[in-house]
C-alpha atoms as a PDB file:
ATOM      1  CA  UNK A   1     -44.662  -5.102  85.540  1.00  0.00           C
ATOM      2  CA  UNK A   2     -45.762  -3.047  82.570  1.00  0.00           C
ATOM      3  CA  UNK A   3     -47.013  -3.461  79.015  1.00  0.00           C
ATOM      4  CA  UNK A   4     -44.670  -0.867  77.439  1.00  0.00           C
ATOM      5  CA  UNK A   5     -42.416   2.037  78.445  1.00  0.00           C
ATOM      6  CA  UNK A   6     -44.513   4.553  80.372  1.00  0.00           C
ATOM      7  CA  UNK A   7     -47.480   2.178  80.115  1.00  0.00           C
ATOM      8  CA  UNK A   8     -49.738   0.692  82.748  1.00  0.00           C
ATOM      9  CA  UNK A   9     -47.870  -0.277  85.937  1.00  0.00           C
ATOM     10  CA  UNK A  10     -48.403  -3.150  88.365  1.00  0.00           C
ATOM     11  CA  UNK A  11     -46.743  -3.545  91.756  1.00  0.00           C
ATOM     12  CA  UNK A  12     -46.743  -6.947  93.454  1.00  0.00           C
ATOM     13  CA  UNK A  13     -44.860  -9.170  95.867  1.00  0.00           C
ATOM     14  CA  UNK A  14     -43.808 -12.806  95.528  1.00  0.00           C
ATOM     15  CA  UNK A  15     -41.423 -15.315  97.067  1.00  0.00           C
ATOM     16  CA  UNK A  16     -40.540 -16.696  93.610  1.00  0.00           C
ATOM     17  CA  UNK A  17     -40.006 -13.849  91.130  1.00  0.00           C
ATOM     18  CA  UNK A  18     -38.973 -16.005  88.160  1.00  0.00           C
ATOM     19  CA  UNK A  19     -42.066 -18.207  88.438  1.00  0.00           C
ATOM     20  CA  UNK A  20     -44.392 -15.269  89.004  1.00  0.00           C
ATOM     21  CA  UNK A  21     -43.079 -13.224  86.072  1.00  0.00           C
ATOM     22  CA  UNK A  22     -43.319 -16.316  83.830  1.00  0.00           C
ATOM     23  CA  UNK A  23     -46.969 -16.775  84.900  1.00  0.00           C
ATOM     24  CA  UNK A  24     -47.729 -13.151  84.016  1.00  0.00           C
ATOM     25  CA  UNK A  25     -45.917 -13.423  80.674  1.00  0.00           C
ATOM     26  CA  UNK A  26     -47.846 -16.572  79.768  1.00  0.00           C
ATOM     27  CA  UNK A  27     -51.194 -15.040  80.777  1.00  0.00           C
ATOM     28  CA  UNK A  28     -51.770 -17.663  83.470  1.00  0.00           C
ATOM     29  CA  UNK A  29     -52.704 -15.155  86.164  1.00  0.00           C
ATOM     30  CA  UNK A  30     -56.269 -13.850  85.944  1.00  0.00           C
ATOM     31  CA  UNK A  31     -56.836 -10.250  86.865  1.00  0.00           C
ATOM     32  CA  UNK A  32     -55.163  -6.894  86.358  1.00  0.00           C
ATOM     33  CA  UNK A  33     -51.937  -8.051  84.684  1.00  0.00           C
ATOM     34  CA  UNK A  34     -53.737 -10.281  82.207  1.00  0.00           C
ATOM     35  CA  UNK A  35     -56.432  -7.690  81.464  1.00  0.00           C
ATOM     36  CA  UNK A  36     -53.839  -5.034  80.583  1.00  0.00           C
ATOM     37  CA  UNK A  37     -51.223  -7.321  79.016  1.00  0.00           C
ATOM     38  CA  UNK A  38     -48.526  -6.554  81.574  1.00  0.00           C
ATOM     39  CA  UNK A  39     -45.679  -8.879  80.620  1.00  0.00           C
ATOM     40  CA  UNK A  40     -42.514  -6.803  81.022  1.00  0.00           C
ATOM     41  CA  UNK A  41     -40.576  -6.817  84.274  1.00  0.00           C
ATOM     42  CA  UNK A  42     -38.924  -3.396  84.424  1.00  0.00           C
ATOM     43  CA  UNK A  43     -38.117  -3.091  88.140  1.00  0.00           C
ATOM     44  CA  UNK A  44     -37.617  -5.434  91.083  1.00  0.00           C
ATOM     45  CA  UNK A  45     -36.356  -5.231  94.642  1.00  0.00           C
ATOM     46  CA  UNK A  46     -35.085  -8.082  96.797  1.00  0.00           C
ATOM     47  CA  UNK A  47     -36.025  -8.250 100.479  1.00  0.00           C
ATOM     48  CA  UNK A  48     -34.779 -10.866 102.921  1.00  0.00           C
ATOM     49  CA  UNK A  49     -37.851 -10.442 105.130  1.00  0.00           C
ATOM     50  CA  UNK A  50     -41.268 -11.079 103.519  1.00  0.00           C
ATOM     51  CA  UNK A  51     -42.875  -8.649 105.957  1.00  0.00           C
ATOM     52  CA  UNK A  52     -40.575  -5.882 104.720  1.00  0.00           C
ATOM     53  CA  UNK A  53     -41.423  -6.806 101.111  1.00  0.00           C
ATOM     54  CA  UNK A  54     -45.164  -6.695 101.808  1.00  0.00           C
ATOM     55  CA  UNK A  55     -44.819  -3.328 103.556  1.00  0.00           C
ATOM     56  CA  UNK A  56     -42.794  -1.928 100.646  1.00  0.00           C
ATOM     57  CA  UNK A  57     -45.422  -3.175  98.162  1.00  0.00           C
ATOM     58  CA  UNK A  58     -48.186  -1.561 100.196  1.00  0.00           C
ATOM     59  CA  UNK A  59     -46.311   1.733 100.351  1.00  0.00           C
ATOM     60  CA  UNK A  60     -45.514   1.734  96.629  1.00  0.00           C
ATOM     61  CA  UNK A  61     -49.125   1.044  95.677  1.00  0.00           C
ATOM     62  CA  UNK A  62     -50.033   4.336  97.358  1.00  0.00           C
ATOM     63  CA  UNK A  63     -47.278   6.326  95.650  1.00  0.00           C
ATOM     64  CA  UNK A  64     -48.150   8.693  92.832  1.00  0.00           C
ATOM     65  CA  UNK A  65     -47.403   7.270  89.388  1.00  0.00           C
ATOM     66  CA  UNK A  66     -44.642   9.863  88.892  1.00  0.00           C
ATOM     67  CA  UNK A  67     -42.685   8.457  91.838  1.00  0.00           C
ATOM     68  CA  UNK A  68     -42.924   4.905  90.468  1.00  0.00           C
ATOM     69  CA  UNK A  69     -41.782   6.029  87.016  1.00  0.00           C
ATOM     70  CA  UNK A  70     -38.819   7.899  88.539  1.00  0.00           C
ATOM     71  CA  UNK A  71     -37.818   4.771  90.458  1.00  0.00           C
ATOM     72  CA  UNK A  72     -37.916   2.676  87.268  1.00  0.00           C
ATOM     73  CA  UNK A  73     -35.989   5.249  85.227  1.00  0.00           C
ATOM     74  CA  UNK A  74     -33.298   5.576  87.908  1.00  0.00           C
ATOM     75  CA  UNK A  75     -32.622   1.822  87.729  1.00  0.00           C
ATOM     76  CA  UNK A  76     -33.718   0.959  84.177  1.00  0.00           C
ATOM     77  CA  UNK A  77     -33.829   4.105  81.989  1.00  0.00           C
ATOM     78  CA  UNK A  78     -34.566   2.147  78.789  1.00  0.00           C
ATOM     79  CA  UNK A  79     -37.426   0.178  80.379  1.00  0.00           C
ATOM     80  CA  UNK A  80     -35.770  -3.087  79.306  1.00  0.00           C
ATOM     81  CA  UNK A  81     -37.449  -6.366  80.233  1.00  0.00           C
ATOM     82  CA  UNK A  82     -35.424  -7.768  83.142  1.00  0.00           C
ATOM     83  CA  UNK A  83     -36.872 -11.290  82.964  1.00  0.00           C
ATOM     84  CA  UNK A  84     -33.957 -12.655  80.935  1.00  0.00           C
ATOM     85  CA  UNK A  85     -31.516 -11.234  83.509  1.00  0.00           C
ATOM     86  CA  UNK A  86     -33.213 -13.341  86.194  1.00  0.00           C
ATOM     87  CA  UNK A  87     -32.705 -16.643  84.372  1.00  0.00           C
END
């Protein structure tokens, strides 16, 4: 999640991406995403095993920002909000 292209980034994991992104967009989730107005979904990965998803999240949170930005740009060079694609 981000607030704008090349803006603040948030990495998280959920079993229900549509619901979770909607909660962030509506400001229903207290904390980091609400504080920084992170409402744009610009990258997502699907994992069949929640343990693999949690491990990937943990790894990505320790990546340098440059690596995260490169990952987003490789998949979504225009930083378009992917929420509508999910619906």
